[in-house]
Structures are given as C-alpha cells and as structure tokens.
Amino acid sequence: MGEGLKLPVINGMGKTNRIDNWISQPLAMGLALIAAMIYTTWRLFFHANSISYSLEGSTVTSPIFSPNILEWNL
C-alpha cells in the first residue's frame, strides 16, 4: 500500500529541486530597476539646472522632470 507514491524530498529552507538557472532573470531585472532608481535620483538632485532646453522657440522637458515640481509654490 502506497509503494508507488513518491513524496517530494525536502531539501531545507530556500532550496529547490530545480536544476536550471532560474534566478538569473529575476536578479538581472532587480539590478536593472535598482540602477534606474539610482540614476533617476542622481539626475534629479545633481542636474536640476538642466531641467529644460529651448529648441527652436519651444521648451523641451525631460519626462523625468515633468511636471517640474521644483517650480511649484507650495
């Protein structure tokens, strides 16, 4: 009775039976998001003087700075 029933082996906390490299894509995505947040923060705080550029009579604003919260009168 129950000879054909095979239960999964418990390897311990955080261990899986997978043999593929499944962690590489989530790790790459997390590192890319962290890099984007660091770049955005650096761009906002250290390059606030280059928020907009005037090109041929119109003002072009980067999407990072739109809306320009530095000019709000709160």
N, C-alpha and C. Protein backbone atom coordinates (compact mmCIF):
# COMPACT_ATOMS: atom_id res chain seq x y z
N MET A 1 0.83 -1.17 0.00
CA MET A 1 0.00 0.00 0.00
C MET A 1 0.88 1.25 0.00
N GLY A 2 0.73 2.08 -1.02
CA GLY A 2 1.49 3.30 -1.11
C GLY A 2 2.90 3.11 -1.62
N GLU A 3 3.21 1.96 -2.22
CA GLU A 3 4.57 1.74 -2.70
C GLU A 3 4.90 2.62 -3.90
N GLY A 4 3.92 2.97 -4.73
CA GLY A 4 4.15 3.79 -5.91
C GLY A 4 4.10 5.28 -5.61
N LEU A 5 3.77 5.65 -4.41
CA LEU A 5 3.64 7.05 -4.04
C LEU A 5 5.00 7.61 -3.61
N LYS A 6 5.46 8.63 -4.36
CA LYS A 6 6.74 9.24 -4.02
C LYS A 6 6.50 10.69 -3.62
N LEU A 7 6.87 11.01 -2.44
CA LEU A 7 6.71 12.37 -1.93
C LEU A 7 7.97 13.18 -2.26
N PRO A 8 7.80 14.49 -2.43
CA PRO A 8 8.98 15.32 -2.72
C PRO A 8 9.93 15.35 -1.52
N VAL A 9 11.19 15.41 -1.83
CA VAL A 9 12.22 15.46 -0.79
C VAL A 9 12.36 16.91 -0.34
N ILE A 10 12.36 17.12 0.95
CA ILE A 10 12.53 18.46 1.49
C ILE A 10 14.02 18.72 1.66
N ASN A 11 14.53 19.70 0.92
CA ASN A 11 15.96 19.99 0.94
C ASN A 11 16.36 21.00 2.00
N GLY A 12 15.41 21.69 2.54
CA GLY A 12 15.73 22.72 3.52
C GLY A 12 15.17 24.06 3.08
N MET A 13 15.35 25.06 3.92
CA MET A 13 14.82 26.39 3.66
C MET A 13 15.51 27.04 2.46
N GLY A 14 14.73 27.46 1.47
CA GLY A 14 15.27 28.16 0.32
C GLY A 14 15.87 27.26 -0.75
N LYS A 15 15.81 25.98 -0.60
CA LYS A 15 16.37 25.06 -1.58
C LYS A 15 15.24 24.51 -2.45
N THR A 16 15.54 24.31 -3.72
CA THR A 16 14.57 23.74 -4.65
C THR A 16 15.18 22.55 -5.37
N ASN A 17 14.35 21.82 -6.07
CA ASN A 17 14.82 20.70 -6.87
C ASN A 17 15.12 21.12 -8.30
N ARG A 18 15.03 22.40 -8.60
CA ARG A 18 15.29 22.87 -9.96
C ARG A 18 16.78 22.82 -10.25
N ILE A 19 17.10 22.46 -11.49
CA ILE A 19 18.50 22.39 -11.88
C ILE A 19 18.86 23.49 -12.88
N ASP A 20 17.85 24.24 -13.36
CA ASP A 20 18.14 25.33 -14.29
C ASP A 20 18.54 26.59 -13.54
N ASN A 21 19.01 27.57 -14.26
CA ASN A 21 19.48 28.83 -13.67
C ASN A 21 18.32 29.82 -13.63
N TRP A 22 17.32 29.55 -12.82
CA TRP A 22 16.10 30.35 -12.81
C TRP A 22 16.29 31.71 -12.15
N ILE A 23 17.27 31.87 -11.32
CA ILE A 23 17.45 33.11 -10.56
C ILE A 23 18.07 34.22 -11.40
N SER A 24 18.66 33.90 -12.55
CA SER A 24 19.40 34.91 -13.31
C SER A 24 18.49 36.00 -13.86
N GLN A 25 17.32 35.67 -14.40
CA GLN A 25 16.44 36.71 -14.95
C GLN A 25 15.84 37.61 -13.88
N PRO A 26 15.29 37.09 -12.77
CA PRO A 26 14.81 38.00 -11.72
C PRO A 26 15.93 38.85 -11.12
N LEU A 27 17.12 38.28 -10.99
CA LEU A 27 18.24 39.04 -10.45
C LEU A 27 18.65 40.16 -11.40
N ALA A 28 18.68 39.88 -12.70
CA ALA A 28 19.02 40.92 -13.69
C ALA A 28 17.97 42.02 -13.69
N MET A 29 16.70 41.67 -13.59
CA MET A 29 15.63 42.67 -13.58
C MET A 29 15.71 43.53 -12.32
N GLY A 30 15.97 42.92 -11.19
CA GLY A 30 16.11 43.68 -9.95
C GLY A 30 17.29 44.64 -10.00
N LEU A 31 18.42 44.17 -10.54
CA LEU A 31 19.59 45.05 -10.66
C LEU A 31 19.33 46.20 -11.62
N ALA A 32 18.60 45.93 -12.72
CA ALA A 32 18.27 46.99 -13.67
C ALA A 32 17.35 48.04 -13.03
N LEU A 33 16.38 47.60 -12.23
CA LEU A 33 15.49 48.55 -11.56
C LEU A 33 16.23 49.38 -10.52
N ILE A 34 17.13 48.76 -9.79
CA ILE A 34 17.92 49.50 -8.81
C ILE A 34 18.81 50.52 -9.50
N ALA A 35 19.42 50.12 -10.63
CA ALA A 35 20.26 51.06 -11.39
C ALA A 35 19.43 52.22 -11.92
N ALA A 36 18.21 51.96 -12.38
CA ALA A 36 17.34 53.03 -12.87
C ALA A 36 16.95 53.98 -11.75
N MET A 37 16.68 53.46 -10.56
CA MET A 37 16.34 54.32 -9.43
C MET A 37 17.53 55.18 -9.00
N ILE A 38 18.72 54.60 -8.99
CA ILE A 38 19.91 55.36 -8.62
C ILE A 38 20.17 56.46 -9.65
N TYR A 39 20.06 56.13 -10.94
CA TYR A 39 20.29 57.13 -11.98
C TYR A 39 19.26 58.26 -11.90
N THR A 40 17.99 57.90 -11.70
CA THR A 40 16.94 58.91 -11.62
C THR A 40 17.16 59.84 -10.43
N THR A 41 17.52 59.29 -9.29
CA THR A 41 17.78 60.11 -8.11
C THR A 41 18.98 61.03 -8.34
N TRP A 42 20.04 60.48 -8.91
CA TRP A 42 21.23 61.29 -9.22
C TRP A 42 20.88 62.40 -10.20
N ARG A 43 20.10 62.09 -11.22
CA ARG A 43 19.73 63.08 -12.23
C ARG A 43 18.86 64.18 -11.63
N LEU A 44 17.93 63.82 -10.76
CA LEU A 44 17.04 64.81 -10.16
C LEU A 44 17.77 65.77 -9.23
N PHE A 45 18.67 65.26 -8.40
CA PHE A 45 19.29 66.10 -7.38
C PHE A 45 20.54 66.84 -7.85
N PHE A 46 21.28 66.27 -8.79
CA PHE A 46 22.54 66.89 -9.17
C PHE A 46 22.52 67.60 -10.52
N HIS A 47 21.43 67.48 -11.27
CA HIS A 47 21.32 68.16 -12.55
C HIS A 47 20.02 68.93 -12.64
N ALA A 48 19.62 69.56 -11.56
CA ALA A 48 18.36 70.30 -11.55
C ALA A 48 18.43 71.55 -12.41
N ASN A 49 19.64 72.05 -12.71
CA ASN A 49 19.75 73.25 -13.53
C ASN A 49 19.55 72.96 -15.02
N SER A 50 19.54 71.70 -15.41
CA SER A 50 19.34 71.36 -16.83
C SER A 50 18.01 70.64 -17.04
N ILE A 51 16.95 71.16 -16.40
CA ILE A 51 15.65 70.52 -16.49
C ILE A 51 15.06 70.64 -17.89
N SER A 52 15.15 71.81 -18.48
CA SER A 52 14.53 72.01 -19.79
C SER A 52 15.50 72.70 -20.74
N TYR A 53 15.27 72.48 -22.00
CA TYR A 53 16.10 73.07 -23.05
C TYR A 53 15.20 73.80 -24.02
N SER A 54 15.65 74.93 -24.53
CA SER A 54 14.89 75.68 -25.53
C SER A 54 15.41 75.31 -26.91
N LEU A 55 14.54 74.74 -27.71
CA LEU A 55 14.90 74.34 -29.06
C LEU A 55 13.93 74.97 -30.05
N GLU A 56 14.41 75.84 -30.90
CA GLU A 56 13.63 76.47 -31.96
C GLU A 56 12.34 77.10 -31.44
N GLY A 57 12.42 77.81 -30.35
CA GLY A 57 11.28 78.53 -29.82
C GLY A 57 10.37 77.74 -28.91
N SER A 58 10.62 76.47 -28.71
CA SER A 58 9.79 75.68 -27.79
C SER A 58 10.67 75.13 -26.68
N THR A 59 10.06 74.81 -25.58
CA THR A 59 10.80 74.28 -24.44
C THR A 59 10.59 72.77 -24.37
N VAL A 60 11.67 72.03 -24.31
CA VAL A 60 11.62 70.58 -24.23
C VAL A 60 12.01 70.17 -22.82
N THR A 61 11.15 69.39 -22.17
CA THR A 61 11.40 68.94 -20.81
C THR A 61 11.54 67.42 -20.80
N SER A 62 12.51 66.94 -20.05
CA SER A 62 12.70 65.51 -19.91
C SER A 62 11.51 64.90 -19.17
N PRO A 63 11.09 63.69 -19.52
CA PRO A 63 9.98 63.05 -18.80
C PRO A 63 10.25 62.83 -17.31
N ILE A 64 11.52 62.75 -16.94
CA ILE A 64 11.86 62.60 -15.52
C ILE A 64 11.43 63.83 -14.74
N PHE A 65 11.50 65.01 -15.36
CA PHE A 65 11.20 66.26 -14.69
C PHE A 65 9.80 66.77 -14.97
N SER A 66 8.97 66.02 -15.63
CA SER A 66 7.64 66.50 -16.00
C SER A 66 6.61 65.85 -15.09
N PRO A 67 5.85 66.57 -14.32
CA PRO A 67 5.81 68.01 -14.13
C PRO A 67 6.99 68.48 -13.29
N ASN A 68 7.36 69.72 -13.49
CA ASN A 68 8.51 70.29 -12.80
C ASN A 68 8.11 70.68 -11.38
N ILE A 69 8.35 69.78 -10.44
CA ILE A 69 7.93 70.04 -9.05
C ILE A 69 8.87 71.01 -8.35
N LEU A 70 10.02 71.32 -8.97
CA LEU A 70 10.94 72.27 -8.34
C LEU A 70 10.43 73.70 -8.44
N GLU A 71 9.49 73.97 -9.35
CA GLU A 71 8.96 75.32 -9.51
C GLU A 71 7.59 75.50 -8.86
N TRP A 72 7.08 74.48 -8.17
CA TRP A 72 5.79 74.60 -7.51
C TRP A 72 5.90 75.53 -6.31
N ASN A 73 4.89 76.35 -6.11
CA ASN A 73 4.83 77.22 -4.94
C ASN A 73 3.86 76.61 -3.93
N LEU A 74 4.39 75.83 -3.06
CA LEU A 74 3.52 75.16 -2.07
C LEU A 74 3.47 75.92 -0.78
